[in-house]
C-alpha atoms as a PDB file:
ATOM      1  CA  MET A   1       0.073  -0.360   0.367  1.00  0.00           C
ATOM      2  CA  SER A   2       1.324   3.658  -1.081  1.00  0.00           C
ATOM      3  CA  SER A   3       2.172   5.904   2.071  1.00  0.00           C
ATOM      4  CA  ALA A   4       0.245   9.366   1.750  1.00  0.00           C
ATOM      5  CA  ALA A   5       2.925  11.228   0.354  1.00  0.00           C
ATOM      6  CA  ALA A   6       3.338   8.705  -2.747  1.00  0.00           C
ATOM      7  CA  GLN A   7      -0.180   9.160  -3.254  1.00  0.00           C
ATOM      8  CA  GLN A   8       0.111  13.108  -3.624  1.00  0.00           C
ATOM      9  CA  PHE A   9       2.853  12.449  -5.779  1.00  0.00           C
ATOM     10  CA  LEU A  10       0.944  10.049  -7.966  1.00  0.00           C
ATOM     11  CA  LEU A  11      -1.801  12.893  -8.257  1.00  0.00           C
ATOM     12  CA  LEU A  12       0.809  15.139  -9.475  1.00  0.00           C
ATOM     13  CA  ALA A  13       2.649  12.927 -11.713  1.00  0.00           C
ATOM     14  CA  LYS A  14      -0.490  12.176 -13.719  1.00  0.00           C
ATOM     15  CA  SER A  15      -0.553  15.715 -15.284  1.00  0.00           C
ATOM     16  CA  VAL A  16       3.320  16.859 -15.104  1.00  0.00           C
ATOM     17  CA  ARG A  17       5.662  16.880 -18.170  1.00  0.00           C
ATOM     18  CA  GLY A  18       9.126  17.980 -19.127  1.00  0.00           C
ATOM     19  CA  SER A  19      11.386  19.227 -16.671  1.00  0.00           C
ATOM     20  CA  ALA A  20       8.606  19.310 -14.207  1.00  0.00           C
ATOM     21  CA  ALA A  21       8.175  15.412 -14.408  1.00  0.00           C
ATOM     22  CA  ALA A  22      12.295  15.016 -13.587  1.00  0.00           C
ATOM     23  CA  ASP A  23      11.764  17.545 -10.642  1.00  0.00           C
ATOM     24  CA  LEU A  24       9.055  15.364  -9.217  1.00  0.00           C
ATOM     25  CA  VAL A  25      10.905  12.609  -9.457  1.00  0.00           C
ATOM     26  CA  LEU A  26      13.926  13.589  -8.238  1.00  0.00           C
ATOM     27  CA  ARG A  27      11.874  14.549  -5.102  1.00  0.00           C
ATOM     28  CA  VAL A  28      10.271  11.102  -4.817  1.00  0.00           C
ATOM     29  CA  LEU A  29      13.715   9.529  -5.219  1.00  0.00           C
ATOM     30  CA  GLU A  30      14.799  11.657  -1.872  1.00  0.00           C
ATOM     31  CA  HIS A  31      11.403  11.688   0.326  1.00  0.00           C
ATOM     32  CA  PRO A  32      12.157   9.753   3.182  1.00  0.00           C
ATOM     33  CA  ASP A  33       8.495   8.306   3.333  1.00  0.00           C
ATOM     34  CA  ILE A  34       8.501   6.697   0.145  1.00  0.00           C
ATOM     35  CA  TYR A  35       9.915   3.324  -0.720  1.00  0.00           C
ATOM     36  CA  GLY A  36       7.681   1.947  -3.451  1.00  0.00           C
ATOM     37  CA  PHE A  37       8.040   3.168  -6.706  1.00  0.00           C
ATOM     38  CA  ASP A  38       6.383   0.743  -9.333  1.00  0.00           C
ATOM     39  CA  GLU A  39       2.766   2.626  -8.928  1.00  0.00           C
ATOM     40  CA  PHE A  40       5.163   5.612 -10.422  1.00  0.00           C
ATOM     41  CA  LEU A  41       6.335   3.477 -13.425  1.00  0.00           C
ATOM     42  CA  ARG A  42       2.728   2.291 -14.301  1.00  0.00           C
ATOM     43  CA  LEU A  43       1.803   5.588 -15.100  1.00  0.00           C
ATOM     44  CA  ASP A  44       1.940   5.924 -19.013  1.00  0.00           C
ATOM     45  CA  SER A  45       1.911   9.795 -19.402  1.00  0.00           C
ATOM     46  CA  LEU A  46       5.321   9.848 -16.882  1.00  0.00           C
ATOM     47  CA  VAL A  47       6.829   6.889 -18.130  1.00  0.00           C
ATOM     48  CA  ASN A  48       6.722   8.099 -22.020  1.00  0.00           C
ATOM     49  CA  SER A  49       7.794  11.853 -20.958  1.00  0.00           C
ATOM     50  CA  LEU A  50      10.977  10.833 -18.967  1.00  0.00           C
ATOM     51  CA  LYS A  51      11.580   8.356 -21.566  1.00  0.00           C
ATOM     52  CA  GLN A  52      11.840  11.201 -24.040  1.00  0.00           C
ATOM     53  CA  ASP A  53      13.726  13.847 -22.398  1.00  0.00           C
ATOM     54  CA  HIS A  54      15.052  12.042 -19.051  1.00  0.00           C
ATOM     55  CA  PRO A  55      16.231   8.507 -19.911  1.00  0.00           C
ATOM     56  CA  LEU A  56      18.674   8.240 -17.329  1.00  0.00           C
ATOM     57  CA  LEU A  57      16.160   9.529 -15.017  1.00  0.00           C
ATOM     58  CA  LEU A  58      14.003   6.657 -16.111  1.00  0.00           C
ATOM     59  CA  SER A  59      16.693   4.204 -15.759  1.00  0.00           C
ATOM     60  CA  THR A  60      17.176   5.406 -11.987  1.00  0.00           C
ATOM     61  CA  LEU A  61      13.548   4.990 -10.827  1.00  0.00           C
ATOM     62  CA  GLU A  62      13.659   1.781 -11.998  1.00  0.00           C
ATOM     63  CA  LEU A  63      16.763   1.301 -10.204  1.00  0.00           C
ATOM     64  CA  PHE A  64      14.818   2.276  -7.238  1.00  0.00           C
ATOM     65  CA  ALA A  65      12.136   0.298  -7.667  1.00  0.00           C
ATOM     66  CA  TYR A  66      13.731  -3.110  -8.489  1.00  0.00           C
ATOM     67  CA  GLY A  67      17.664  -2.882  -7.892  1.00  0.00           C
ATOM     68  CA  THR A  68      20.259  -2.311  -5.420  1.00  0.00           C
ATOM     69  CA  LEU A  69      23.336  -0.129  -4.401  1.00  0.00           C
ATOM     70  CA  SER A  70      25.742  -2.838  -6.473  1.00  0.00           C
ATOM     71  CA  ASP A  71      23.560  -2.284  -9.852  1.00  0.00           C
ATOM     72  CA  TYR A  72      24.401   1.114  -9.316  1.00  0.00           C
ATOM     73  CA  GLU A  73      27.952   1.312  -8.854  1.00  0.00           C
ATOM     74  CA  SER A  74      28.514  -1.446 -11.440  1.00  0.00           C
ATOM     75  CA  GLN A  75      26.730   0.630 -13.880  1.00  0.00           C
ATOM     76  CA  ARG A  76      26.995   3.973 -13.298  1.00  0.00           C
ATOM     77  CA  SER A  77      26.710   5.352 -16.879  1.00  0.00           C
ATOM     78  CA  ARG A  78      22.659   4.311 -16.902  1.00  0.00           C
ATOM     79  CA  PHE A  79      22.174   6.206 -14.318  1.00  0.00           C
ATOM     80  CA  ILE A  80      21.968   9.920 -12.789  1.00  0.00           C
ATOM     81  CA  SER A  81      24.502  10.626 -10.133  1.00  0.00           C
ATOM     82  CA  LEU A  82      22.641  10.321  -6.538  1.00  0.00           C
ATOM     83  CA  SER A  83      22.691  13.120  -4.331  1.00  0.00           C
ATOM     84  CA  ALA A  84      23.574  12.227  -0.386  1.00  0.00           C
ATOM     85  CA  GLY A  85      20.145  11.825   0.646  1.00  0.00           C
ATOM     86  CA  ALA A  86      18.947   9.855  -2.403  1.00  0.00           C
ATOM     87  CA  ARG A  87      22.163   7.356  -2.079  1.00  0.00           C
ATOM     88  CA  ARG A  88      21.541   6.343   1.334  1.00  0.00           C
ATOM     89  CA  LYS A  89      18.164   5.764   0.840  1.00  0.00           C
ATOM     90  CA  LEU A  90      19.282   3.336  -1.972  1.00  0.00           C
ATOM     91  CA  GLN A  91      21.548   2.078   0.783  1.00  0.00           C
ATOM     92  CA  LEU A  92      18.202   1.164   2.762  1.00  0.00           C
ATOM     93  CA  LEU A  93      16.618  -0.604  -0.126  1.00  0.00           C
ATOM     94  CA  THR A  94      19.106  -2.696  -1.007  1.00  0.00           C
ATOM     95  CA  LEU A  95      19.052  -3.716   3.145  1.00  0.00           C
ATOM     96  CA  ALA A  96      15.444  -4.394   2.617  1.00  0.00           C
ATOM     97  CA  SER A  97      16.438  -6.552  -0.246  1.00  0.00           C
ATOM     98  CA  LEU A  98      19.086  -8.570   1.843  1.00  0.00           C
ATOM     99  CA  ALA A  99      16.746  -8.727   4.891  1.00  0.00           C
ATOM    100  CA  ILE A 100      13.918 -10.604   2.409  1.00  0.00           C
ATOM    101  CA  HIS A 101      16.249 -13.335   1.633  1.00  0.00           C
ATOM    102  CA  ALA A 102      17.849 -13.876   5.119  1.00  0.00           C
ATOM    103  CA  ARG A 103      16.986 -13.483   8.845  1.00  0.00           C
ATOM    104  CA  ILE A 104      20.414 -13.564  10.014  1.00  0.00           C
ATOM    105  CA  LEU A 105      22.941 -11.119   7.938  1.00  0.00           C
ATOM    106  CA  PRO A 106      26.522 -10.725   9.143  1.00  0.00           C
ATOM    107  CA  TYR A 107      27.924  -7.226   9.499  1.00  0.00           C
ATOM    108  CA  ARG A 108      30.797  -8.471   6.969  1.00  0.00           C
ATOM    109  CA  LEU A 109      28.214  -9.121   4.452  1.00  0.00           C
ATOM    110  CA  LEU A 110      26.500  -5.899   5.099  1.00  0.00           C
ATOM    111  CA  LEU A 111      29.702  -3.634   4.677  1.00  0.00           C
ATOM    112  CA  GLU A 112      30.191  -5.269   1.682  1.00  0.00           C
ATOM    113  CA  GLN A 113      27.148  -4.923  -0.038  1.00  0.00           C
ATOM    114  CA  LEU A 114      26.204  -1.457   1.540  1.00  0.00           C
ATOM    115  CA  GLN A 115      29.863  -0.300   0.640  1.00  0.00           C
ATOM    116  CA  ILE A 116      30.193   1.167   4.048  1.00  0.00           C
ATOM    117  CA  GLU A 117      33.447   1.328   5.736  1.00  0.00           C
ATOM    118  CA  SER A 118      33.000   1.108   9.203  1.00  0.00           C
ATOM    119  CA  VAL A 119      30.711  -0.832  11.759  1.00  0.00           C
ATOM    120  CA  ARG A 120      29.584   2.407  13.433  1.00  0.00           C
ATOM    121  CA  GLU A 121      28.035   4.048  10.161  1.00  0.00           C
ATOM    122  CA  LEU A 122      26.141   0.688   9.320  1.00  0.00           C
ATOM    123  CA  GLU A 123      24.850   0.239  12.697  1.00  0.00           C
ATOM    124  CA  ASP A 124      23.672   4.059  12.281  1.00  0.00           C
ATOM    125  CA  LEU A 125      22.043   2.938   9.053  1.00  0.00           C
ATOM    126  CA  ILE A 126      20.247   0.000  10.552  1.00  0.00           C
ATOM    127  CA  ILE A 127      18.955   2.324  13.237  1.00  0.00           C
ATOM    128  CA  ASP A 128      17.743   4.806  10.414  1.00  0.00           C
ATOM    129  CA  GLY A 129      15.912   1.502   8.470  1.00  0.00           C
ATOM    130  CA  ILE A 130      14.342   0.730  11.792  1.00  0.00           C
ATOM    131  CA  TYR A 131      13.123   4.318  12.517  1.00  0.00           C
ATOM    132  CA  ALA A 132      11.943   4.172   8.892  1.00  0.00           C
ATOM    133  CA  GLN A 133      10.120   1.213   9.082  1.00  0.00           C
ATOM    134  CA  VAL A 134      12.018  -0.559   6.322  1.00  0.00           C
ATOM    135  CA  ILE A 135      13.095  -3.340   8.390  1.00  0.00           C
ATOM    136  CA  ARG A 136      12.668  -4.558  11.464  1.00  0.00           C
ATOM    137  CA  GLY A 137      14.925  -6.591  13.863  1.00  0.00           C
ATOM    138  CA  LYS A 138      17.994  -6.699  16.415  1.00  0.00           C
ATOM    139  CA  LEU A 139      21.796  -5.708  16.521  1.00  0.00           C
ATOM    140  CA  ASP A 140      23.944  -8.513  17.741  1.00  0.00           C
ATOM    141  CA  GLN A 141      27.222  -6.382  18.256  1.00  0.00           C
ATOM    142  CA  LEU A 142      28.778  -9.414  20.058  1.00  0.00           C
ATOM    143  CA  ASN A 143      28.300 -11.766  17.059  1.00  0.00           C
ATOM    144  CA  SER A 144      28.745  -9.148  14.725  1.00  0.00           C
ATOM    145  CA  ARG A 145      25.329  -9.646  12.905  1.00  0.00           C
ATOM    146  CA  LEU A 146      21.910  -8.219  12.545  1.00  0.00           C
ATOM    147  CA  ASN A 147      18.649 -10.402  13.211  1.00  0.00           C
ATOM    148  CA  VAL A 148      16.289  -9.786  11.093  1.00  0.00           C
ATOM    149  CA  GLU A 149      12.374  -9.800  11.984  1.00  0.00           C
ATOM    150  CA  TYR A 150      10.579  -7.977   9.370  1.00  0.00           C
ATOM    151  CA  ALA A 151      11.718  -6.229   6.006  1.00  0.00           C
ATOM    152  CA  ILE A 152       9.460  -4.422   3.170  1.00  0.00           C
ATOM    153  CA  ALA A 153       8.488  -5.842   0.232  1.00  0.00           C
ATOM    154  CA  ARG A 154      10.488  -4.299  -2.601  1.00  0.00           C
ATOM    155  CA  ASP A 155       8.589  -3.804  -6.069  1.00  0.00           C
ATOM    156  CA  VAL A 156       8.755  -6.761  -8.808  1.00  0.00           C
ATOM    157  CA  ASN A 157       9.471  -6.055 -12.586  1.00  0.00           C
ATOM    158  CA  SER A 158       8.021  -7.590 -15.408  1.00  0.00           C
ATOM    159  CA  ILE A 159      11.394 -10.046 -15.559  1.00  0.00           C
ATOM    160  CA  ALA A 160      10.604 -11.159 -11.977  1.00  0.00           C
ATOM    161  CA  PHE A 161       7.190 -11.655 -12.316  1.00  0.00           C
ATOM    162  CA  ASN A 162       8.063 -14.030 -15.539  1.00  0.00           C
ATOM    163  CA  ARG A 163      10.518 -15.660 -13.397  1.00  0.00           C
ATOM    164  CA  MET A 164       7.926 -16.381 -10.884  1.00  0.00           C
ATOM    165  CA  GLU A 165       5.245 -17.646 -13.453  1.00  0.00           C
ATOM    166  CA  ASP A 166       8.135 -20.273 -14.791  1.00  0.00           C
ATOM    167  CA  VAL A 167       8.432 -21.053 -11.180  1.00  0.00           C
ATOM    168  CA  LEU A 168       4.656 -21.469 -10.481  1.00  0.00           C
ATOM    169  CA  ASP A 169       4.428 -23.465 -13.634  1.00  0.00           C
ATOM    170  CA  LYS A 170       6.881 -25.819 -12.566  1.00  0.00           C
ATOM    171  CA  TRP A 171       5.284 -26.125  -9.247  1.00  0.00           C
ATOM    172  CA  CYS A 172       1.926 -26.731 -10.915  1.00  0.00           C
ATOM    173  CA  LEU A 173       3.306 -29.537 -13.155  1.00  0.00           C
ATOM    174  CA  ASN A 174       5.115 -31.217 -10.081  1.00  0.00           C
ATOM    175  CA  CYS A 175       1.528 -31.011  -8.003  1.00  0.00           C
ATOM    176  CA  SER A 176      -0.078 -32.561 -11.430  1.00  0.00           C
ATOM    177  CA  ALA A 177       2.654 -35.509 -11.310  1.00  0.00           C
ATOM    178  CA  LEU A 178       2.049 -36.067  -7.937  1.00  0.00           C
ATOM    179  CA  LEU A 179      -1.748 -35.840  -8.077  1.00  0.00           C
ATOM    180  CA  ASN A 180      -1.557 -38.451 -10.553  1.00  0.00           C
ATOM    181  CA  VAL A 181       1.251 -40.772  -8.914  1.00  0.00           C
ATOM    182  CA  LEU A 182      -0.974 -40.558  -5.755  1.00  0.00           C
ATOM    183  CA  LYS A 183      -4.351 -41.572  -8.085  1.00  0.00           C
ATOM    184  CA  SER A 184      -2.466 -44.652  -9.314  1.00  0.00           C
ATOM    185  CA  GLU A 185      -1.206 -45.297  -5.774  1.00  0.00           C
ATOM    186  CA  THR A 186      -4.743 -44.837  -4.513  1.00  0.00           C
ATOM    187  CA  LYS A 187      -6.181 -47.217  -7.269  1.00  0.00           C
ATOM    188  CA  PHE A 188      -3.816 -49.497  -6.558  1.00  0.00           C
ATOM    189  CA  ALA A 189      -4.368 -49.940  -2.969  1.00  0.00           C
ATOM    190  CA  ASN A 190      -7.951 -49.920  -3.461  1.00  0.00           C
ATOM    191  CA  GLU A 191      -7.752 -52.952  -6.063  1.00  0.00           C
ATOM    192  CA  LYS A 192      -5.318 -54.617  -3.768  1.00  0.00           C
ATOM    193  CA  LYS A 193      -7.843 -54.225  -0.692  1.00  0.00           C
ATOM    194  CA  LYS A 194     -10.875 -55.516  -2.670  1.00  0.00           C
ATOM    195  CA  LYS A 195      -8.745 -58.920  -3.669  1.00  0.00           C
ATOM    196  CA  PHE A 196      -7.925 -59.154   0.158  1.00  0.00           C
ATOM    197  CA  LEU A 197     -11.670 -58.781   1.293  1.00  0.00           C
ATOM    198  CA  ASP A 198     -12.627 -61.051  -1.580  1.00  0.00           C
ATOM    199  CA  GLU A 199     -10.190 -63.816  -0.567  1.00  0.00           C
ATOM    200  CA  GLN A 200     -11.333 -63.583   2.879  1.00  0.00           C
ATOM    201  CA  ASP A 201     -14.777 -63.690   2.039  1.00  0.00           C
ATOM    202  CA  LYS A 202     -14.000 -66.818   0.109  1.00  0.00           C
ATOM    203  CA  TYR A 203     -12.135 -67.825   2.995  1.00  0.00           C
ATOM    204  CA  ASP A 204     -14.957 -67.254   5.533  1.00  0.00           C
ATOM    205  CA  LYS A 205     -17.083 -69.218   3.220  1.00  0.00           C
ATOM    206  CA  ASP A 206     -15.040 -72.360   2.689  1.00  0.00           C
ATOM    207  CA  MET A 207     -14.318 -72.303   6.611  1.00  0.00           C
ATOM    208  CA  LEU A 208     -18.217 -72.276   6.988  1.00  0.00           C
ATOM    209  CA  SER A 209     -18.931 -75.252   4.775  1.00  0.00           C
ATOM    210  CA  MET A 210     -16.403 -77.202   6.255  1.00  0.00           C
ATOM    211  CA  ILE A 211     -17.931 -76.233   9.463  1.00  0.00           C
ATOM    212  CA  LYS A 212     -21.359 -77.746   8.164  1.00  0.00           C
ATOM    213  CA  ILE A 213     -19.838 -80.616   6.899  1.00  0.00           C
ATOM    214  CA  VAL A 214     -17.771 -81.649  10.080  1.00  0.00           C
ATOM    215  CA  ASP A 215     -21.269 -80.899  11.997  1.00  0.00           C
ATOM    216  CA  LEU A 216     -22.868 -82.958   9.933  1.00  0.00           C
ATOM    217  CA  GLN A 217     -20.527 -85.909   9.660  1.00  0.00           C
ATOM    218  CA  ASN A 218     -20.299 -85.695  13.610  1.00  0.00           C
ATOM    219  CA  SER A 219     -24.225 -85.768  13.636  1.00  0.00           C
ATOM    220  CA  LYS A 220     -24.415 -88.796  11.667  1.00  0.00           C
ATOM    221  CA  ARG A 221     -21.674 -90.376  13.643  1.00  0.00           C
ATOM    222  CA  ASP A 222     -23.500 -89.587  17.194  1.00  0.00           C
ATOM    223  CA  ASN A 223     -26.745 -91.554  15.511  1.00  0.00           C
ATOM    224  CA  GLU A 224     -24.578 -94.352  14.376  1.00  0.00           C
ATOM    225  CA  ASN A 225     -22.739 -94.567  17.919  1.00  0.00           C
ATOM    226  CA  SER A 226     -26.185 -94.291  19.371  1.00  0.00           C
ATOM    227  CA  ASN A 227     -28.029 -97.002  17.116  1.00  0.00           C
ATOM    228  CA  HIS A 228     -25.183 -99.326  18.156  1.00  0.00           C
ATOM    229  CA  LEU A 229     -25.454 -98.661  21.822  1.00  0.00           C
ATOM    230  CA  ASN A 230     -29.095 -99.293  21.284  1.00  0.00           C
ATOM    231  CA  SER A 231     -28.273-102.844  19.614  1.00  0.00           C
ATOM    232  CA  LEU A 232     -25.632-103.692  22.038  1.00  0.00           C
ATOM    233  CA  GLY A 233     -28.256-103.027  24.886  1.00  0.00           C
ATOM    234  CA  ASN A 234     -30.662-105.093  23.146  1.00  0.00           C
ATOM    235  CA  LEU A 235     -28.119-107.796  22.853  1.00  0.00           C
ATOM    236  CA  SER A 236     -27.224-107.515  26.497  1.00  0.00           C
ATOM    237  CA  ASN A 237     -30.857-108.186  27.718  1.00  0.00           C
ATOM    238  CA  ILE A 238     -31.449-111.203  25.586  1.00  0.00           C
ATOM    239  CA  LEU A 239     -28.496-112.961  26.412  1.00  0.00           C
ATOM    240  CA  THR A 240     -28.827-112.433  30.006  1.00  0.00           C
ATOM    241  CA  GLY A 241     -32.587-113.556  29.893  1.00  0.00           C
ATOM    242  CA  ASN A 242     -34.036-110.249  30.812  1.00  0.00           C
ATOM    243  CA  VAL A 243     -36.403-110.688  27.395  1.00  0.00           C
ATOM    244  CA  ASP A 244     -39.618-112.222  28.317  1.00  0.00           C
ATOM    245  CA  SER A 245     -39.308-115.933  26.499  1.00  0.00           C
ATOM    246  CA  LYS A 246     -43.041-115.775  25.967  1.00  0.00           C
ATOM    247  CA  GLN A 247     -42.630-113.067  23.211  1.00  0.00           C
ATOM    248  CA  GLY A 248     -39.762-115.235  21.423  1.00  0.00           C
ATOM    249  CA  GLY A 249     -40.620-119.005  22.163  1.00  0.00           C
ATOM    250  CA  GLY A 250     -37.560-119.811  24.479  1.00  0.00           C
ATOM    251  CA  LYS A 251     -34.027-120.399  23.637  1.00  0.00           C
ATOM    252  CA  LYS A 252     -34.825-120.582  19.671  1.00  0.00           C
ATOM    253  CA  SER A 253     -36.655-117.421  19.437  1.00  0.00           C
ATOM    254  CA  THR A 254     -33.585-115.864  21.765  1.00  0.00           C
ATOM    255  CA  ARG A 255     -31.001-116.719  19.508  1.00  0.00           C
ATOM    256  CA  TYR A 256     -32.873-115.997  16.303  1.00  0.00           C
ATOM    257  CA  ASN A 257     -33.363-112.296  18.200  1.00  0.00           C
ATOM    258  CA  ALA A 258     -29.700-112.203  18.933  1.00  0.00           C
ATOM    259  CA  LYS A 259     -28.742-112.852  15.189  1.00  0.00           C
ATOM    260  CA  ARG A 260     -30.936-110.388  13.970  1.00  0.00           C
ATOM    261  CA  ILE A 261     -29.468-107.677  16.406  1.00  0.00           C
ATOM    262  CA  LEU A 262     -26.130-108.717  15.195  1.00  0.00           C
ATOM    263  CA  ARG A 263     -26.782-108.624  11.720  1.00  0.00           C
ATOM    264  CA  THR A 264     -28.172-105.155  11.907  1.00  0.00           C
END
């Protein structure tokens, strides 16, 4: 979200041309409360005016939006000479870029990237950045490092957007491939589960059939044993004379009945 100061300059930027446009951009670059510049670069009238009359200033505006101090020092011919205030602001923007990518920033790295000679000057810059709400963190003087808690987001140019789009496209392709693998694994697991359940059901049915056959055989055997016991009991009665002789006609009848029982 743009600051109140940036909103005021944006309103003015919609109608200025030529030297007035250049003067406005210079004021924006040095303003202590403006750290976002992409909205100015999306004003076609302002960009076209700078491109025609002040191309170096347009490149400098793009530098403050997307670049760092190292970009400025390595390609000075592409940019205007910076005032002390604008250079310090670019240092703070560079600090924000570093803080976005790492939560622990050694003083050695900061001294190099911000092109500062002394630790005292570096710590002063960091404190200015904290007061300006460009970053939030704590100075660890014992270990000579900055512990970052927060940093403002830098503007993103079309190249970075394209890079992000490529990364997201690859991520989507990877997600799609992973989803296909998960679907295949799920299908295989379901088929394996169904096969197991079918085998379990067949096993249960076979066991039930076997139990029924065994029960039937046991029942038949029990009946045969019972009949056999009854026959032996009858035979015992006949042999011991417990059967009434009148029913069978004496000893002859007894032998006949005994033979009949044994045959059964």
